[in-house]
ModelCIF file with pLDDT and N, C-alpha, C, O atoms, coordinates in Angstrom:
data_MODEL
#
_entry.id   MODEL 
#
_entity.id                         1 
_entity.type                       polymer 
_entity.pdbx_number_of_molecules   1 
#
_entity_poly.entity_id                      1 
_entity_poly.type                           'polypeptide(L)' 
_entity_poly.nstd_linkage                   no 
_entity_poly.nstd_monomer                   no 
_entity_poly.pdbx_seq_one_letter_code       ADRAPVRPGVAMADYQSALFGAFAAMIALFHREARGGTGQHVDVSLF 
_entity_poly.pdbx_seq_one_letter_code_can   ADRAPVRPGVAMADYQSALFGAFAAMIALFHREARGGTGQHVDVSLF 
_entity_poly.pdbx_strand_id                 A 
#
loop_
_entity_poly_seq.entity_id 
_entity_poly_seq.num 
_entity_poly_seq.mon_id 
_entity_poly_seq.hetero 
1 1  ALA n 
1 2  ASP n 
1 3  ARG n 
1 4  ALA n 
1 5  PRO n 
1 6  VAL n 
1 7  ARG n 
1 8  PRO n 
1 9  GLY n 
1 10 VAL n 
1 11 ALA n 
1 12 MET n 
1 13 ALA n 
1 14 ASP n 
1 15 TYR n 
1 16 GLN n 
1 17 SER n 
1 18 ALA n 
1 19 LEU n 
1 20 PHE n 
1 21 GLY n 
1 22 ALA n 
1 23 PHE n 
1 24 ALA n 
1 25 ALA n 
1 26 MET n 
1 27 ILE n 
1 28 ALA n 
1 29 LEU n 
1 30 PHE n 
1 31 HIS n 
1 32 ARG n 
1 33 GLU n 
1 34 ALA n 
1 35 ARG n 
1 36 GLY n 
1 37 GLY n 
1 38 THR n 
1 39 GLY n 
1 40 GLN n 
1 41 HIS n 
1 42 VAL n 
1 43 ASP n 
1 44 VAL n 
1 45 SER n 
1 46 LEU n 
1 47 PHE n 
#
_struct_asym.id          A 
_struct_asym.entity_id   1 
#
loop_
_ma_qa_metric.id 
_ma_qa_metric.mode 
_ma_qa_metric.name 
_ma_qa_metric.software_group_id 
_ma_qa_metric.type 
1 global pLDDT . pLDDT 
2 local  pLDDT . pLDDT 
#
_ma_qa_metric_global.metric_id      1 
_ma_qa_metric_global.metric_value   97.49 
_ma_qa_metric_global.model_id       1 
_ma_qa_metric_global.ordinal_id     1 
#
loop_
_ma_qa_metric_local.label_asym_id 
_ma_qa_metric_local.label_comp_id 
_ma_qa_metric_local.label_seq_id 
_ma_qa_metric_local.metric_id 
_ma_qa_metric_local.metric_value 
_ma_qa_metric_local.model_id 
_ma_qa_metric_local.ordinal_id 
A ALA 1  2 96.00 1 1  
A ASP 2  2 97.00 1 2  
A ARG 3  2 96.00 1 3  
A ALA 4  2 97.00 1 4  
A PRO 5  2 97.00 1 5  
A VAL 6  2 97.00 1 6  
A ARG 7  2 96.00 1 7  
A PRO 8  2 96.00 1 8  
A GLY 9  2 96.00 1 9  
A VAL 10 2 96.00 1 10 
A ALA 11 2 97.00 1 11 
A MET 12 2 97.00 1 12 
A ALA 13 2 98.00 1 13 
A ASP 14 2 98.00 1 14 
A TYR 15 2 98.00 1 15 
A GLN 16 2 98.00 1 16 
A SER 17 2 98.00 1 17 
A ALA 18 2 98.00 1 18 
A LEU 19 2 98.00 1 19 
A PHE 20 2 98.00 1 20 
A GLY 21 2 98.00 1 21 
A ALA 22 2 98.00 1 22 
A PHE 23 2 98.00 1 23 
A ALA 24 2 98.00 1 24 
A ALA 25 2 98.00 1 25 
A MET 26 2 98.00 1 26 
A ILE 27 2 98.00 1 27 
A ALA 28 2 98.00 1 28 
A LEU 29 2 98.00 1 29 
A PHE 30 2 98.00 1 30 
A HIS 31 2 98.00 1 31 
A ARG 32 2 98.00 1 32 
A GLU 33 2 97.00 1 33 
A ALA 34 2 97.00 1 34 
A ARG 35 2 97.00 1 35 
A GLY 36 2 97.00 1 36 
A GLY 37 2 97.00 1 37 
A THR 38 2 97.00 1 38 
A GLY 39 2 98.00 1 39 
A GLN 40 2 98.00 1 40 
A HIS 41 2 98.00 1 41 
A VAL 42 2 98.00 1 42 
A ASP 43 2 98.00 1 43 
A VAL 44 2 98.00 1 44 
A SER 45 2 98.00 1 45 
A LEU 46 2 98.00 1 46 
A PHE 47 2 98.00 1 47 
#
loop_
_atom_site.group_PDB 
_atom_site.id 
_atom_site.type_symbol 
_atom_site.label_atom_id 
_atom_site.label_alt_id 
_atom_site.label_comp_id 
_atom_site.label_asym_id 
_atom_site.label_entity_id 
_atom_site.label_seq_id 
_atom_site.pdbx_PDB_ins_code 
_atom_site.Cartn_x 
_atom_site.Cartn_y 
_atom_site.Cartn_z 
_atom_site.occupancy 
_atom_site.B_iso_or_equiv 
_atom_site.pdbx_formal_charge 
_atom_site.auth_seq_id 
_atom_site.auth_comp_id 
_atom_site.auth_asym_id 
_atom_site.auth_atom_id 
_atom_site.pdbx_PDB_model_num 
ATOM 1   N N  . ALA A 1 1  ? 106.786 -74.872 -160.171 1.00 96.00 ? 1  ALA A N  1 
ATOM 2   C CA . ALA A 1 1  ? 107.269 -75.566 -161.295 1.00 96.00 ? 1  ALA A CA 1 
ATOM 3   C C  . ALA A 1 1  ? 106.475 -76.524 -162.184 1.00 96.00 ? 1  ALA A C  1 
ATOM 4   O O  . ALA A 1 1  ? 106.469 -76.648 -163.408 1.00 96.00 ? 1  ALA A O  1 
ATOM 5   N N  . ASP A 1 2  ? 105.790 -77.183 -161.199 1.00 97.00 ? 2  ASP A N  1 
ATOM 6   C CA . ASP A 1 2  ? 104.530 -78.151 -161.466 1.00 97.00 ? 2  ASP A CA 1 
ATOM 7   C C  . ASP A 1 2  ? 103.375 -77.753 -161.368 1.00 97.00 ? 2  ASP A C  1 
ATOM 8   O O  . ASP A 1 2  ? 102.579 -78.654 -161.104 1.00 97.00 ? 2  ASP A O  1 
ATOM 9   N N  . ARG A 1 3  ? 102.846 -76.506 -161.503 1.00 96.00 ? 3  ARG A N  1 
ATOM 10  C CA . ARG A 1 3  ? 101.609 -76.024 -161.490 1.00 96.00 ? 3  ARG A CA 1 
ATOM 11  C C  . ARG A 1 3  ? 101.505 -74.752 -162.185 1.00 96.00 ? 3  ARG A C  1 
ATOM 12  O O  . ARG A 1 3  ? 102.392 -73.899 -162.216 1.00 96.00 ? 3  ARG A O  1 
ATOM 13  N N  . ALA A 1 4  ? 100.374 -74.681 -162.735 1.00 97.00 ? 4  ALA A N  1 
ATOM 14  C CA . ALA A 1 4  ? 100.021 -73.254 -163.232 1.00 97.00 ? 4  ALA A CA 1 
ATOM 15  C C  . ALA A 1 4  ? 100.604 -72.128 -162.558 1.00 97.00 ? 4  ALA A C  1 
ATOM 16  O O  . ALA A 1 4  ? 100.835 -72.151 -161.349 1.00 97.00 ? 4  ALA A O  1 
ATOM 17  N N  . PRO A 1 5  ? 100.907 -70.921 -163.464 1.00 97.00 ? 5  PRO A N  1 
ATOM 18  C CA . PRO A 1 5  ? 101.112 -70.118 -163.405 1.00 97.00 ? 5  PRO A CA 1 
ATOM 19  C C  . PRO A 1 5  ? 100.366 -69.205 -162.045 1.00 97.00 ? 5  PRO A C  1 
ATOM 20  O O  . PRO A 1 5  ? 99.149  -69.386 -162.098 1.00 97.00 ? 5  PRO A O  1 
ATOM 21  N N  . VAL A 1 6  ? 100.614 -68.624 -161.292 1.00 97.00 ? 6  VAL A N  1 
ATOM 22  C CA . VAL A 1 6  ? 99.686  -67.939 -160.179 1.00 97.00 ? 6  VAL A CA 1 
ATOM 23  C C  . VAL A 1 6  ? 100.168 -66.434 -160.184 1.00 97.00 ? 6  VAL A C  1 
ATOM 24  O O  . VAL A 1 6  ? 101.292 -65.931 -160.162 1.00 97.00 ? 6  VAL A O  1 
ATOM 25  N N  . ARG A 1 7  ? 98.648  -65.805 -160.226 1.00 96.00 ? 7  ARG A N  1 
ATOM 26  C CA . ARG A 1 7  ? 98.626  -64.113 -160.397 1.00 96.00 ? 7  ARG A CA 1 
ATOM 27  C C  . ARG A 1 7  ? 98.677  -63.668 -159.069 1.00 96.00 ? 7  ARG A C  1 
ATOM 28  O O  . ARG A 1 7  ? 97.939  -64.248 -158.272 1.00 96.00 ? 7  ARG A O  1 
ATOM 29  N N  . PRO A 1 8  ? 99.398  -62.755 -158.662 1.00 96.00 ? 8  PRO A N  1 
ATOM 30  C CA . PRO A 1 8  ? 99.482  -62.023 -157.309 1.00 96.00 ? 8  PRO A CA 1 
ATOM 31  C C  . PRO A 1 8  ? 97.852  -62.020 -156.599 1.00 96.00 ? 8  PRO A C  1 
ATOM 32  O O  . PRO A 1 8  ? 97.027  -62.806 -157.063 1.00 96.00 ? 8  PRO A O  1 
ATOM 33  N N  . GLY A 1 9  ? 97.639  -61.506 -155.968 1.00 96.00 ? 9  GLY A N  1 
ATOM 34  C CA . GLY A 1 9  ? 96.530  -61.699 -155.055 1.00 96.00 ? 9  GLY A CA 1 
ATOM 35  C C  . GLY A 1 9  ? 95.613  -60.190 -155.151 1.00 96.00 ? 9  GLY A C  1 
ATOM 36  O O  . GLY A 1 9  ? 94.406  -60.086 -154.933 1.00 96.00 ? 9  GLY A O  1 
ATOM 37  N N  . VAL A 1 10 ? 96.599  -59.039 -155.554 1.00 96.00 ? 10 VAL A N  1 
ATOM 38  C CA . VAL A 1 10 ? 96.032  -57.872 -156.071 1.00 96.00 ? 10 VAL A CA 1 
ATOM 39  C C  . VAL A 1 10 ? 96.496  -57.624 -157.501 1.00 96.00 ? 10 VAL A C  1 
ATOM 40  O O  . VAL A 1 10 ? 97.411  -58.191 -158.098 1.00 96.00 ? 10 VAL A O  1 
ATOM 41  N N  . ALA A 1 11 ? 95.544  -56.501 -158.001 1.00 97.00 ? 11 ALA A N  1 
ATOM 42  C CA . ALA A 1 11 ? 95.758  -56.271 -159.475 1.00 97.00 ? 11 ALA A CA 1 
ATOM 43  C C  . ALA A 1 11 ? 97.146  -55.360 -159.545 1.00 97.00 ? 11 ALA A C  1 
ATOM 44  O O  . ALA A 1 11 ? 97.202  -54.139 -159.403 1.00 97.00 ? 11 ALA A O  1 
ATOM 45  N N  . MET A 1 12 ? 98.226  -56.243 -159.793 1.00 97.00 ? 12 MET A N  1 
ATOM 46  C CA . MET A 1 12 ? 99.208  -55.607 -159.871 1.00 97.00 ? 12 MET A CA 1 
ATOM 47  C C  . MET A 1 12 ? 99.844  -54.509 -161.035 1.00 97.00 ? 12 MET A C  1 
ATOM 48  O O  . MET A 1 12 ? 100.540 -53.500 -160.924 1.00 97.00 ? 12 MET A O  1 
ATOM 49  N N  . ALA A 1 13 ? 99.188  -55.297 -162.310 1.00 98.00 ? 13 ALA A N  1 
ATOM 50  C CA . ALA A 1 13 ? 99.878  -54.466 -163.116 1.00 98.00 ? 13 ALA A CA 1 
ATOM 51  C C  . ALA A 1 13 ? 98.501  -52.918 -163.071 1.00 98.00 ? 13 ALA A C  1 
ATOM 52  O O  . ALA A 1 13 ? 98.759  -51.719 -163.169 1.00 98.00 ? 13 ALA A O  1 
ATOM 53  N N  . ASP A 1 14 ? 97.778  -53.262 -162.978 1.00 98.00 ? 14 ASP A N  1 
ATOM 54  C CA . ASP A 1 14 ? 96.889  -51.635 -162.832 1.00 98.00 ? 14 ASP A CA 1 
ATOM 55  C C  . ASP A 1 14 ? 97.728  -50.657 -161.585 1.00 98.00 ? 14 ASP A C  1 
ATOM 56  O O  . ASP A 1 14 ? 97.997  -49.460 -161.686 1.00 98.00 ? 14 ASP A O  1 
ATOM 57  N N  . TYR A 1 15 ? 97.964  -51.360 -160.681 1.00 98.00 ? 15 TYR A N  1 
ATOM 58  C CA . TYR A 1 15 ? 98.304  -50.288 -159.481 1.00 98.00 ? 15 TYR A CA 1 
ATOM 59  C C  . TYR A 1 15 ? 100.287 -49.727 -159.875 1.00 98.00 ? 15 TYR A C  1 
ATOM 60  O O  . TYR A 1 15 ? 100.927 -48.742 -159.508 1.00 98.00 ? 15 TYR A O  1 
ATOM 61  N N  . GLN A 1 16 ? 100.635 -50.851 -160.696 1.00 98.00 ? 16 GLN A N  1 
ATOM 62  C CA . GLN A 1 16 ? 102.300 -50.363 -160.960 1.00 98.00 ? 16 GLN A CA 1 
ATOM 63  C C  . GLN A 1 16 ? 102.167 -49.178 -162.381 1.00 98.00 ? 16 GLN A C  1 
ATOM 64  O O  . GLN A 1 16 ? 102.897 -48.235 -162.684 1.00 98.00 ? 16 GLN A O  1 
ATOM 65  N N  . SER A 1 17 ? 100.986 -49.688 -162.998 1.00 98.00 ? 17 SER A N  1 
ATOM 66  C CA . SER A 1 17 ? 100.490 -48.581 -163.882 1.00 98.00 ? 17 SER A CA 1 
ATOM 67  C C  . SER A 1 17 ? 100.179 -47.158 -163.289 1.00 98.00 ? 17 SER A C  1 
ATOM 68  O O  . SER A 1 17 ? 100.673 -46.066 -163.569 1.00 98.00 ? 17 SER A O  1 
ATOM 69  N N  . ALA A 1 18 ? 99.351  -47.456 -162.518 1.00 98.00 ? 18 ALA A N  1 
ATOM 70  C CA . ALA A 1 18 ? 99.072  -46.036 -161.679 1.00 98.00 ? 18 ALA A CA 1 
ATOM 71  C C  . ALA A 1 18 ? 100.317 -45.293 -161.133 1.00 98.00 ? 18 ALA A C  1 
ATOM 72  O O  . ALA A 1 18 ? 100.658 -44.116 -161.250 1.00 98.00 ? 18 ALA A O  1 
ATOM 73  N N  . LEU A 1 19 ? 100.820 -46.213 -160.579 1.00 98.00 ? 19 LEU A N  1 
ATOM 74  C CA . LEU A 1 19 ? 102.479 -45.242 -160.340 1.00 98.00 ? 19 LEU A CA 1 
ATOM 75  C C  . LEU A 1 19 ? 103.335 -44.548 -161.081 1.00 98.00 ? 19 LEU A C  1 
ATOM 76  O O  . LEU A 1 19 ? 103.807 -43.453 -160.776 1.00 98.00 ? 19 LEU A O  1 
ATOM 77  N N  . PHE A 1 20 ? 103.620 -45.352 -162.359 1.00 98.00 ? 20 PHE A N  1 
ATOM 78  C CA . PHE A 1 20 ? 104.093 -44.603 -163.360 1.00 98.00 ? 20 PHE A CA 1 
ATOM 79  C C  . PHE A 1 20 ? 103.263 -43.474 -163.954 1.00 98.00 ? 20 PHE A C  1 
ATOM 80  O O  . PHE A 1 20 ? 103.761 -42.408 -164.314 1.00 98.00 ? 20 PHE A O  1 
ATOM 81  N N  . GLY A 1 21 ? 102.118 -43.735 -164.026 1.00 98.00 ? 21 GLY A N  1 
ATOM 82  C CA . GLY A 1 21 ? 101.045 -42.635 -164.472 1.00 98.00 ? 21 GLY A CA 1 
ATOM 83  C C  . GLY A 1 21 ? 101.377 -41.171 -163.673 1.00 98.00 ? 21 GLY A C  1 
ATOM 84  O O  . GLY A 1 21 ? 101.717 -40.107 -164.191 1.00 98.00 ? 21 GLY A O  1 
ATOM 85  N N  . ALA A 1 22 ? 101.186 -41.446 -162.385 1.00 98.00 ? 22 ALA A N  1 
ATOM 86  C CA . ALA A 1 22 ? 101.255 -40.590 -161.412 1.00 98.00 ? 22 ALA A CA 1 
ATOM 87  C C  . ALA A 1 22 ? 102.439 -39.920 -161.346 1.00 98.00 ? 22 ALA A C  1 
ATOM 88  O O  . ALA A 1 22 ? 102.386 -38.691 -161.310 1.00 98.00 ? 22 ALA A O  1 
ATOM 89  N N  . PHE A 1 23 ? 103.531 -40.485 -161.323 1.00 98.00 ? 23 PHE A N  1 
ATOM 90  C CA . PHE A 1 23 ? 104.969 -40.151 -161.432 1.00 98.00 ? 23 PHE A CA 1 
ATOM 91  C C  . PHE A 1 23 ? 105.098 -39.451 -162.947 1.00 98.00 ? 23 PHE A C  1 
ATOM 92  O O  . PHE A 1 23 ? 105.486 -38.283 -162.916 1.00 98.00 ? 23 PHE A O  1 
ATOM 93  N N  . ALA A 1 24 ? 104.865 -39.929 -164.065 1.00 98.00 ? 24 ALA A N  1 
ATOM 94  C CA . ALA A 1 24 ? 104.792 -39.122 -165.436 1.00 98.00 ? 24 ALA A CA 1 
ATOM 95  C C  . ALA A 1 24 ? 104.232 -38.042 -165.108 1.00 98.00 ? 24 ALA A C  1 
ATOM 96  O O  . ALA A 1 24 ? 104.786 -36.996 -165.449 1.00 98.00 ? 24 ALA A O  1 
ATOM 97  N N  . ALA A 1 25 ? 103.215 -37.998 -164.499 1.00 98.00 ? 25 ALA A N  1 
ATOM 98  C CA . ALA A 1 25 ? 102.373 -36.624 -164.633 1.00 98.00 ? 25 ALA A CA 1 
ATOM 99  C C  . ALA A 1 25 ? 103.078 -35.576 -164.028 1.00 98.00 ? 25 ALA A C  1 
ATOM 100 O O  . ALA A 1 25 ? 103.011 -34.415 -164.432 1.00 98.00 ? 25 ALA A O  1 
ATOM 101 N N  . MET A 1 26 ? 103.863 -36.005 -162.915 1.00 98.00 ? 26 MET A N  1 
ATOM 102 C CA . MET A 1 26 ? 104.452 -35.240 -161.940 1.00 98.00 ? 26 MET A CA 1 
ATOM 103 C C  . MET A 1 26 ? 105.694 -34.320 -162.506 1.00 98.00 ? 26 MET A C  1 
ATOM 104 O O  . MET A 1 26 ? 105.996 -33.143 -162.310 1.00 98.00 ? 26 MET A O  1 
ATOM 105 N N  . ILE A 1 27 ? 106.550 -35.850 -163.657 1.00 98.00 ? 27 ILE A N  1 
ATOM 106 C CA . ILE A 1 27 ? 107.987 -34.800 -164.503 1.00 98.00 ? 27 ILE A CA 1 
ATOM 107 C C  . ILE A 1 27 ? 107.289 -33.901 -165.450 1.00 98.00 ? 27 ILE A C  1 
ATOM 108 O O  . ILE A 1 27 ? 107.704 -32.770 -165.702 1.00 98.00 ? 27 ILE A O  1 
ATOM 109 N N  . ALA A 1 28 ? 106.080 -34.489 -166.042 1.00 98.00 ? 28 ALA A N  1 
ATOM 110 C CA . ALA A 1 28 ? 105.327 -33.392 -166.930 1.00 98.00 ? 28 ALA A CA 1 
ATOM 111 C C  . ALA A 1 28 ? 105.198 -31.806 -166.025 1.00 98.00 ? 28 ALA A C  1 
ATOM 112 O O  . ALA A 1 28 ? 105.904 -30.815 -166.209 1.00 98.00 ? 28 ALA A O  1 
ATOM 113 N N  . LEU A 1 29 ? 104.819 -31.859 -165.690 1.00 98.00 ? 29 LEU A N  1 
ATOM 114 C CA . LEU A 1 29 ? 104.048 -30.629 -164.356 1.00 98.00 ? 29 LEU A CA 1 
ATOM 115 C C  . LEU A 1 29 ? 105.376 -29.966 -164.281 1.00 98.00 ? 29 LEU A C  1 
ATOM 116 O O  . LEU A 1 29 ? 105.403 -28.769 -164.567 1.00 98.00 ? 29 LEU A O  1 
ATOM 117 N N  . PHE A 1 30 ? 106.782 -30.719 -163.848 1.00 98.00 ? 30 PHE A N  1 
ATOM 118 C CA . PHE A 1 30 ? 107.709 -30.089 -163.293 1.00 98.00 ? 30 PHE A CA 1 
ATOM 119 C C  . PHE A 1 30 ? 108.427 -29.310 -164.641 1.00 98.00 ? 30 PHE A C  1 
ATOM 120 O O  . PHE A 1 30 ? 108.957 -28.206 -164.514 1.00 98.00 ? 30 PHE A O  1 
ATOM 121 N N  . HIS A 1 31 ? 108.378 -29.946 -165.787 1.00 98.00 ? 31 HIS A N  1 
ATOM 122 C CA . HIS A 1 31 ? 109.004 -29.683 -166.885 1.00 98.00 ? 31 HIS A CA 1 
ATOM 123 C C  . HIS A 1 31 ? 107.882 -28.427 -167.372 1.00 98.00 ? 31 HIS A C  1 
ATOM 124 O O  . HIS A 1 31 ? 108.294 -27.428 -167.962 1.00 98.00 ? 31 HIS A O  1 
ATOM 125 N N  . ARG A 1 32 ? 106.819 -28.570 -167.131 1.00 98.00 ? 32 ARG A N  1 
ATOM 126 C CA . ARG A 1 32 ? 106.516 -27.251 -167.694 1.00 98.00 ? 32 ARG A CA 1 
ATOM 127 C C  . ARG A 1 32 ? 106.446 -26.015 -166.952 1.00 98.00 ? 32 ARG A C  1 
ATOM 128 O O  . ARG A 1 32 ? 106.565 -24.890 -167.439 1.00 98.00 ? 32 ARG A O  1 
ATOM 129 N N  . GLU A 1 33 ? 106.234 -26.315 -165.682 1.00 97.00 ? 33 GLU A N  1 
ATOM 130 C CA . GLU A 1 33 ? 106.196 -25.355 -164.544 1.00 97.00 ? 33 GLU A CA 1 
ATOM 131 C C  . GLU A 1 33 ? 107.508 -24.722 -164.001 1.00 97.00 ? 33 GLU A C  1 
ATOM 132 O O  . GLU A 1 33 ? 107.543 -23.538 -163.665 1.00 97.00 ? 33 GLU A O  1 
ATOM 133 N N  . ALA A 1 34 ? 108.563 -25.530 -163.927 1.00 97.00 ? 34 ALA A N  1 
ATOM 134 C CA . ALA A 1 34 ? 109.858 -25.219 -163.547 1.00 97.00 ? 34 ALA A CA 1 
ATOM 135 C C  . ALA A 1 34 ? 110.927 -24.673 -164.845 1.00 97.00 ? 34 ALA A C  1 
ATOM 136 O O  . ALA A 1 34 ? 111.704 -23.718 -164.821 1.00 97.00 ? 34 ALA A O  1 
ATOM 137 N N  . ARG A 1 35 ? 110.574 -25.921 -166.267 1.00 97.00 ? 35 ARG A N  1 
ATOM 138 C CA . ARG A 1 35 ? 111.423 -25.771 -166.953 1.00 97.00 ? 35 ARG A CA 1 
ATOM 139 C C  . ARG A 1 35 ? 111.010 -24.776 -168.446 1.00 97.00 ? 35 ARG A C  1 
ATOM 140 O O  . ARG A 1 35 ? 111.654 -24.714 -169.493 1.00 97.00 ? 35 ARG A O  1 
ATOM 141 N N  . GLY A 1 36 ? 109.868 -24.153 -168.125 1.00 97.00 ? 36 GLY A N  1 
ATOM 142 C CA . GLY A 1 36 ? 109.113 -23.313 -168.966 1.00 97.00 ? 36 GLY A CA 1 
ATOM 143 C C  . GLY A 1 36 ? 108.768 -24.103 -170.231 1.00 97.00 ? 36 GLY A C  1 
ATOM 144 O O  . GLY A 1 36 ? 108.723 -23.517 -171.312 1.00 97.00 ? 36 GLY A O  1 
ATOM 145 N N  . GLY A 1 37 ? 108.465 -25.731 -170.109 1.00 97.00 ? 37 GLY A N  1 
ATOM 146 C CA . GLY A 1 37 ? 107.593 -26.289 -170.969 1.00 97.00 ? 37 GLY A CA 1 
ATOM 147 C C  . GLY A 1 37 ? 106.350 -26.287 -171.460 1.00 97.00 ? 37 GLY A C  1 
ATOM 148 O O  . GLY A 1 37 ? 105.666 -25.398 -170.952 1.00 97.00 ? 37 GLY A O  1 
ATOM 149 N N  . THR A 1 38 ? 105.762 -26.983 -172.304 1.00 97.00 ? 38 THR A N  1 
ATOM 150 C CA . THR A 1 38 ? 104.537 -26.782 -172.735 1.00 97.00 ? 38 THR A CA 1 
ATOM 151 C C  . THR A 1 38 ? 103.755 -28.407 -172.158 1.00 97.00 ? 38 THR A C  1 
ATOM 152 O O  . THR A 1 38 ? 104.309 -29.282 -171.491 1.00 97.00 ? 38 THR A O  1 
ATOM 153 N N  . GLY A 1 39 ? 102.526 -28.396 -172.613 1.00 98.00 ? 39 GLY A N  1 
ATOM 154 C CA . GLY A 1 39 ? 101.899 -29.485 -172.440 1.00 98.00 ? 39 GLY A CA 1 
ATOM 155 C C  . GLY A 1 39 ? 102.431 -30.751 -173.191 1.00 98.00 ? 39 GLY A C  1 
ATOM 156 O O  . GLY A 1 39 ? 103.262 -30.437 -174.043 1.00 98.00 ? 39 GLY A O  1 
ATOM 157 N N  . GLN A 1 40 ? 102.168 -32.186 -173.110 1.00 98.00 ? 40 GLN A N  1 
ATOM 158 C CA . GLN A 1 40 ? 102.460 -33.191 -173.502 1.00 98.00 ? 40 GLN A CA 1 
ATOM 159 C C  . GLN A 1 40 ? 101.671 -34.322 -173.477 1.00 98.00 ? 40 GLN A C  1 
ATOM 160 O O  . GLN A 1 40 ? 100.699 -34.369 -172.723 1.00 98.00 ? 40 GLN A O  1 
ATOM 161 N N  . HIS A 1 41 ? 101.968 -35.261 -174.219 1.00 98.00 ? 41 HIS A N  1 
ATOM 162 C CA . HIS A 1 41 ? 101.061 -36.541 -174.271 1.00 98.00 ? 41 HIS A CA 1 
ATOM 163 C C  . HIS A 1 41 ? 101.727 -37.785 -173.487 1.00 98.00 ? 41 HIS A C  1 
ATOM 164 O O  . HIS A 1 41 ? 102.689 -38.250 -174.097 1.00 98.00 ? 41 HIS A O  1 
ATOM 165 N N  . VAL A 1 42 ? 101.431 -38.407 -172.299 1.00 98.00 ? 42 VAL A N  1 
ATOM 166 C CA . VAL A 1 42 ? 101.907 -39.446 -171.721 1.00 98.00 ? 42 VAL A CA 1 
ATOM 167 C C  . VAL A 1 42 ? 101.330 -40.535 -172.089 1.00 98.00 ? 42 VAL A C  1 
ATOM 168 O O  . VAL A 1 42 ? 100.104 -40.601 -172.174 1.00 98.00 ? 42 VAL A O  1 
ATOM 169 N N  . ASP A 1 43 ? 102.308 -41.775 -172.425 1.00 98.00 ? 43 ASP A N  1 
ATOM 170 C CA . ASP A 1 43 ? 101.950 -43.101 -172.833 1.00 98.00 ? 43 ASP A CA 1 
ATOM 171 C C  . ASP A 1 43 ? 102.232 -44.299 -171.749 1.00 98.00 ? 43 ASP A C  1 
ATOM 172 O O  . ASP A 1 43 ? 103.232 -45.010 -171.841 1.00 98.00 ? 43 ASP A O  1 
ATOM 173 N N  . VAL A 1 44 ? 101.221 -44.458 -170.679 1.00 98.00 ? 44 VAL A N  1 
ATOM 174 C CA . VAL A 1 44 ? 101.577 -45.418 -169.840 1.00 98.00 ? 44 VAL A CA 1 
ATOM 175 C C  . VAL A 1 44 ? 100.965 -46.888 -170.517 1.00 98.00 ? 44 VAL A C  1 
ATOM 176 O O  . VAL A 1 44 ? 99.849  -46.862 -171.036 1.00 98.00 ? 44 VAL A O  1 
ATOM 177 N N  . SER A 1 45 ? 101.546 -47.818 -170.490 1.00 98.00 ? 45 SER A N  1 
ATOM 178 C CA . SER A 1 45 ? 101.256 -49.419 -170.336 1.00 98.00 ? 45 SER A CA 1 
ATOM 179 C C  . SER A 1 45 ? 100.912 -50.206 -169.667 1.00 98.00 ? 45 SER A C  1 
ATOM 180 O O  . SER A 1 45 ? 101.679 -50.179 -168.705 1.00 98.00 ? 45 SER A O  1 
ATOM 181 N N  . LEU A 1 46 ? 100.172 -50.981 -169.531 1.00 98.00 ? 46 LEU A N  1 
ATOM 182 C CA . LEU A 1 46 ? 99.983  -51.807 -168.320 1.00 98.00 ? 46 LEU A CA 1 
ATOM 183 C C  . LEU A 1 46 ? 101.384 -52.987 -168.563 1.00 98.00 ? 46 LEU A C  1 
ATOM 184 O O  . LEU A 1 46 ? 102.155 -53.102 -167.610 1.00 98.00 ? 46 LEU A O  1 
ATOM 185 N N  . PHE A 1 47 ? 101.629 -53.738 -169.712 1.00 98.00 ? 47 PHE A N  1 
ATOM 186 C CA . PHE A 1 47 ? 102.671 -54.517 -169.624 1.00 98.00 ? 47 PHE A CA 1 
ATOM 187 C C  . PHE A 1 47 ? 104.086 -53.955 -169.185 1.00 98.00 ? 47 PHE A C  1 
ATOM 188 O O  . PHE A 1 47 ? 105.055 -54.711 -169.110 1.00 98.00 ? 47 PHE A O  1 
#
């Protein structure tokens, strides 16, 4: 409380976004391959 905010020691926002991106890609692939869907655009934001 008495000091400036502290960032994590690694690039957490980047790596969390990568997880969501890979997760979303697999959802989209499942939708396309197993549900007869088509392609789609996945929007992942760092924040």
